[in-house]
């Protein structure tokens, strides 16, 4: 049994967001090939490589978060430096500045629609995922322009954020502008093992981890592109804004 925290989250604050998946470096996008032939039946698809650059603001300047799919990059969270060093206690329900943006570095001139899959979890002192800890205590505050859908009912860990407007080549859009932790991190929670043993644990010594995956499709023939690449039925308004996914309004 682990004791409750007297000075909560000194160690916790050292936990940086872990960025994984195709958010960094080169990823595969689906491009709907443009055609004017009346004999074409349906939309042709081809794959095109483009770089989706994930950048974090550090010391006033944006820097690329280095990493690959095999070795994910990490965000620094400079606003939590004093907490991680033990110079101050962490504040619950406090928005710590953390600016993260996605830059469309497509090799083509066509705009792209982008979605970001975010998965949050807690990691214990042994480096293993703690399934008893609550991922909803980790709040990533996003900028306007993004709409969130849960990946499945009851799934607290994962959500998909759709940017509702097409992003042009070279355009940067802010995804995260701050991070906060709920007051539940100062409380204990119970864990029941397979043999029925109940253990009381707290968040002291744990780190939080967020995995981010970015996908994009070309804006031309976007409905067909999203169906082919993402397996979703998308609906757009007359201005080209994404308004629903699989019947769910954004």
Protein backbone atom coordinates (compact mmCIF):
# COMPACT_ATOMS: atom_id res chain seq x y z
CA UNK A 1 0.00 0.00 0.00
CA UNK A 2 1.28 3.43 -0.89
CA UNK A 3 0.74 6.46 1.27
CA UNK A 4 -1.09 9.55 0.18
CA UNK A 5 0.92 12.53 -0.96
CA UNK A 6 1.70 15.20 1.60
CA UNK A 7 3.27 17.45 -1.02
CA UNK A 8 1.64 16.22 -4.19
CA UNK A 9 3.21 15.78 -7.56
CA UNK A 10 6.82 16.87 -7.19
CA UNK A 11 7.81 13.78 -9.11
CA UNK A 12 4.73 13.85 -11.28
CA UNK A 13 5.72 17.12 -12.86
CA UNK A 14 8.78 15.52 -14.42
CA UNK A 15 6.43 13.57 -16.66
CA UNK A 16 6.54 15.09 -20.10
CA UNK A 17 4.11 14.44 -22.88
CA UNK A 18 5.35 11.63 -25.07
CA UNK A 19 4.63 12.20 -28.71
CA UNK A 20 4.34 9.12 -30.87
CA UNK A 21 2.91 7.89 -34.14
CA UNK A 22 3.10 9.68 -37.46
CA UNK A 23 2.95 13.16 -36.01
CA UNK A 24 6.67 13.56 -36.50
CA UNK A 25 8.71 13.33 -39.67
CA UNK A 26 7.29 11.82 -42.83
CA UNK A 27 3.84 10.33 -42.86
CA UNK A 28 1.55 8.92 -45.51
CA UNK A 29 -1.33 11.04 -46.74
CA UNK A 30 -4.04 10.01 -49.15
CA UNK A 31 -4.39 12.20 -52.19
CA UNK A 32 -7.47 12.01 -54.35
CA UNK A 33 -6.13 12.33 -57.87
CA UNK A 34 -7.75 15.20 -59.74
CA UNK A 35 -9.30 14.22 -63.05
CA UNK A 36 -11.43 15.94 -65.65
CA UNK A 37 -12.13 12.91 -67.82
CA UNK A 38 -15.81 12.12 -68.17
CA UNK A 39 -14.90 8.47 -68.64
CA UNK A 40 -13.46 8.15 -65.16
CA UNK A 41 -15.57 6.00 -62.89
CA UNK A 42 -15.11 7.18 -59.31
CA UNK A 43 -12.09 8.84 -57.79
CA UNK A 44 -8.56 7.58 -58.24
CA UNK A 45 -6.35 7.43 -55.18
CA UNK A 46 -2.61 7.65 -54.92
CA UNK A 47 -0.34 8.02 -51.92
CA UNK A 48 1.89 11.02 -51.45
CA UNK A 49 4.47 11.61 -48.77
CA UNK A 50 4.45 14.86 -46.85
CA UNK A 51 5.95 16.01 -43.60
CA UNK A 52 3.74 17.01 -40.72
CA UNK A 53 5.95 19.02 -38.40
CA UNK A 54 5.02 19.01 -34.73
CA UNK A 55 6.46 22.05 -33.00
CA UNK A 56 6.66 23.18 -29.38
CA UNK A 57 7.29 26.69 -28.14
CA UNK A 58 10.43 26.74 -26.01
CA UNK A 59 11.97 29.93 -24.62
CA UNK A 60 9.86 32.06 -26.94
CA UNK A 61 10.61 30.20 -30.18
CA UNK A 62 9.04 27.23 -31.91
CA UNK A 63 11.28 24.21 -32.29
CA UNK A 64 10.64 20.90 -33.96
CA UNK A 65 10.03 18.06 -31.56
CA UNK A 66 12.69 15.61 -32.72
CA UNK A 67 11.85 11.96 -33.04
CA UNK A 68 10.82 9.08 -35.25
CA UNK A 69 8.13 6.43 -35.15
CA UNK A 70 10.62 4.07 -33.47
CA UNK A 71 11.84 6.63 -30.95
CA UNK A 72 9.12 9.19 -30.18
CA UNK A 73 10.02 12.75 -29.33
CA UNK A 74 9.11 14.43 -26.07
CA UNK A 75 7.71 17.83 -25.25
CA UNK A 76 9.76 19.79 -22.73
CA UNK A 77 6.96 21.56 -20.80
CA UNK A 78 9.12 24.48 -19.78
CA UNK A 79 6.24 25.99 -17.79
CA UNK A 80 6.57 23.06 -15.36
CA UNK A 81 10.33 23.39 -14.87
CA UNK A 82 10.12 24.82 -11.35
CA UNK A 83 7.64 22.14 -10.32
CA UNK A 84 9.76 19.30 -11.69
CA UNK A 85 12.79 20.70 -9.85
CA UNK A 86 10.85 20.85 -6.59
CA UNK A 87 10.97 24.63 -6.37
CA UNK A 88 7.20 24.95 -6.22
CA UNK A 89 4.18 22.74 -5.71
CA UNK A 90 2.00 21.97 -8.64
CA UNK A 91 -1.36 23.74 -8.83
CA UNK A 92 -4.39 21.66 -9.70
CA UNK A 93 -6.89 23.02 -12.20
CA UNK A 94 -4.28 25.55 -13.28
CA UNK A 95 -3.57 26.11 -16.96
CA UNK A 96 0.15 25.85 -17.56
CA UNK A 97 1.10 27.43 -20.91
CA UNK A 98 2.08 24.78 -23.45
CA UNK A 99 1.88 25.78 -27.09
CA UNK A 100 2.02 22.96 -29.59
CA UNK A 101 1.21 23.37 -33.26
CA UNK A 102 0.98 21.29 -36.41
CA UNK A 103 2.52 22.57 -39.65
CA UNK A 104 1.42 21.24 -43.02
CA UNK A 105 4.58 20.65 -45.04
CA UNK A 106 2.90 18.85 -47.91
CA UNK A 107 4.93 18.29 -51.06
CA UNK A 108 1.92 19.36 -53.14
CA UNK A 109 0.10 22.66 -53.46
CA UNK A 110 -3.32 21.35 -52.48
CA UNK A 111 -4.71 22.06 -49.00
CA UNK A 112 -5.24 19.18 -46.59
CA UNK A 113 -7.79 18.21 -43.95
CA UNK A 114 -6.12 17.06 -40.74
CA UNK A 115 -7.13 14.93 -37.79
CA UNK A 116 -5.13 14.22 -34.64
CA UNK A 117 -5.63 11.13 -32.48
CA UNK A 118 -4.67 11.78 -28.86
CA UNK A 119 -4.18 9.03 -26.27
CA UNK A 120 -3.57 9.89 -22.60
CA UNK A 121 -2.44 7.61 -19.79
CA UNK A 122 -0.45 7.43 -16.56
CA UNK A 123 2.86 5.60 -16.16
CA UNK A 124 3.93 4.12 -12.82
CA UNK A 125 7.35 4.10 -11.19
CA UNK A 126 8.26 0.91 -13.07
CA UNK A 127 7.57 2.46 -16.46
CA UNK A 128 4.36 0.51 -16.96
CA UNK A 129 0.94 1.86 -17.85
CA UNK A 130 -1.22 2.34 -14.76
CA UNK A 131 -4.71 1.31 -15.81
CA UNK A 132 -6.17 2.33 -12.44
CA UNK A 133 -5.16 5.97 -12.75
CA UNK A 134 -7.63 8.32 -14.40
CA UNK A 135 -6.55 9.76 -17.79
CA UNK A 136 -9.36 12.32 -17.61
CA UNK A 137 -7.34 14.17 -14.96
CA UNK A 138 -4.96 15.20 -17.76
CA UNK A 139 -6.51 18.09 -19.67
CA UNK A 140 -5.01 19.35 -22.91
CA UNK A 141 -6.67 22.63 -23.77
CA UNK A 142 -7.03 23.09 -27.51
CA UNK A 143 -7.48 26.13 -29.71
CA UNK A 144 -10.70 26.90 -31.56
CA UNK A 145 -11.14 25.27 -34.94
CA UNK A 146 -10.74 21.73 -33.60
CA UNK A 147 -13.68 19.42 -32.85
CA UNK A 148 -13.32 16.34 -30.68
CA UNK A 149 -14.93 12.92 -31.07
CA UNK A 150 -14.33 9.97 -28.76
CA UNK A 151 -12.79 6.95 -30.45
CA UNK A 152 -15.36 4.69 -28.76
CA UNK A 153 -18.02 4.91 -26.09
CA UNK A 154 -16.59 4.80 -22.59
CA UNK A 155 -13.00 5.21 -23.76
CA UNK A 156 -11.42 7.81 -21.48
CA UNK A 157 -7.96 7.52 -22.98
CA UNK A 158 -8.39 8.29 -26.66
CA UNK A 159 -10.08 10.99 -28.69
CA UNK A 160 -9.82 12.27 -32.25
CA UNK A 161 -9.55 15.98 -32.99
CA UNK A 162 -10.64 17.12 -36.45
CA UNK A 163 -9.55 20.48 -37.78
CA UNK A 164 -12.70 21.66 -39.51
CA UNK A 165 -11.03 23.81 -42.16
CA UNK A 166 -8.51 22.79 -44.81
CA UNK A 167 -4.90 23.64 -43.97
CA UNK A 168 -2.87 25.10 -46.80
CA UNK A 169 0.72 24.18 -47.56
CA UNK A 170 3.04 25.81 -45.03
CA UNK A 171 0.18 26.82 -42.73
CA UNK A 172 0.60 26.28 -38.98
CA UNK A 173 -2.36 25.64 -36.69
CA UNK A 174 -2.15 25.54 -32.91
CA UNK A 175 -3.45 22.34 -31.37
CA UNK A 176 -2.63 22.70 -27.66
CA UNK A 177 -2.33 26.00 -25.81
CA UNK A 178 -2.11 24.78 -22.20
CA UNK A 179 -2.13 21.71 -19.97
CA UNK A 180 -3.74 21.22 -16.57
CA UNK A 181 -4.25 18.45 -14.02
CA UNK A 182 -7.49 17.86 -12.13
CA UNK A 183 -7.72 17.95 -8.35
CA UNK A 184 -8.17 14.19 -8.33
CA UNK A 185 -4.40 13.82 -8.54
CA UNK A 186 -4.15 14.68 -4.84
CA UNK A 187 -6.54 11.86 -3.93
CA UNK A 188 -6.07 8.12 -3.61
CA UNK A 189 -7.75 5.51 -5.78
CA UNK A 190 -8.28 1.78 -5.31
CA UNK A 191 -7.07 -1.04 -7.51
CA UNK A 192 -8.47 -4.59 -7.39
CA UNK A 193 -6.20 -7.40 -8.56
CA UNK A 194 -7.35 -10.65 -10.15
CA UNK A 195 -7.23 -12.41 -6.78
CA UNK A 196 -9.53 -9.78 -5.27
CA UNK A 197 -6.87 -7.93 -3.32
CA UNK A 198 -7.63 -4.20 -3.04
CA UNK A 199 -4.70 -1.78 -3.04
CA UNK A 200 -4.94 1.93 -2.29
CA UNK A 201 -2.66 4.02 -4.46
CA UNK A 202 -1.97 7.66 -5.22
CA UNK A 203 -0.42 9.67 -8.05
CA UNK A 204 2.85 10.41 -6.30
CA UNK A 205 5.78 9.31 -8.43
CA UNK A 206 3.69 8.78 -11.54
CA UNK A 207 4.12 10.53 -14.86
CA UNK A 208 1.58 11.33 -17.52
CA UNK A 209 2.00 10.39 -21.14
CA UNK A 210 0.18 11.59 -24.25
CA UNK A 211 0.58 9.94 -27.63
CA UNK A 212 -0.36 11.95 -30.69
CA UNK A 213 -0.95 10.72 -34.23
CA UNK A 214 -1.61 13.07 -37.14
CA UNK A 215 -3.31 12.04 -40.39
CA UNK A 216 -4.25 14.14 -43.41
CA UNK A 217 -6.09 13.85 -46.70
CA UNK A 218 -6.13 16.20 -49.66
CA UNK A 219 -9.03 18.65 -49.70
CA UNK A 220 -9.89 17.80 -53.32
CA UNK A 221 -12.59 15.09 -53.28
CA UNK A 222 -12.27 15.12 -49.50
CA UNK A 223 -15.39 13.02 -48.87
CA UNK A 224 -14.02 10.15 -50.94
CA UNK A 225 -10.51 10.63 -49.57
CA UNK A 226 -11.66 10.43 -45.94
CA UNK A 227 -13.78 7.38 -46.63
CA UNK A 228 -10.92 5.63 -48.39
CA UNK A 229 -8.16 6.62 -45.95
CA UNK A 230 -9.94 6.93 -42.61
CA UNK A 231 -13.08 4.86 -43.16
CA UNK A 232 -15.39 7.69 -42.10
CA UNK A 233 -18.34 9.40 -43.77
CA UNK A 234 -17.64 13.13 -43.80
CA UNK A 235 -20.01 16.01 -44.54
CA UNK A 236 -19.02 19.55 -45.48
CA UNK A 237 -20.88 22.83 -45.76
CA UNK A 238 -20.86 25.06 -48.82
CA UNK A 239 -17.70 26.82 -47.60
CA UNK A 240 -15.74 23.61 -47.29
CA UNK A 241 -15.93 23.39 -43.50
CA UNK A 242 -16.12 19.88 -42.06
CA UNK A 243 -19.42 19.67 -40.20
CA UNK A 244 -19.97 16.00 -39.36
CA UNK A 245 -18.24 12.62 -39.16
CA UNK A 246 -20.31 9.43 -39.40
CA UNK A 247 -23.42 11.46 -38.64
CA UNK A 248 -21.99 13.15 -35.53
CA UNK A 249 -21.99 16.93 -35.71
CA UNK A 250 -18.68 18.66 -35.11
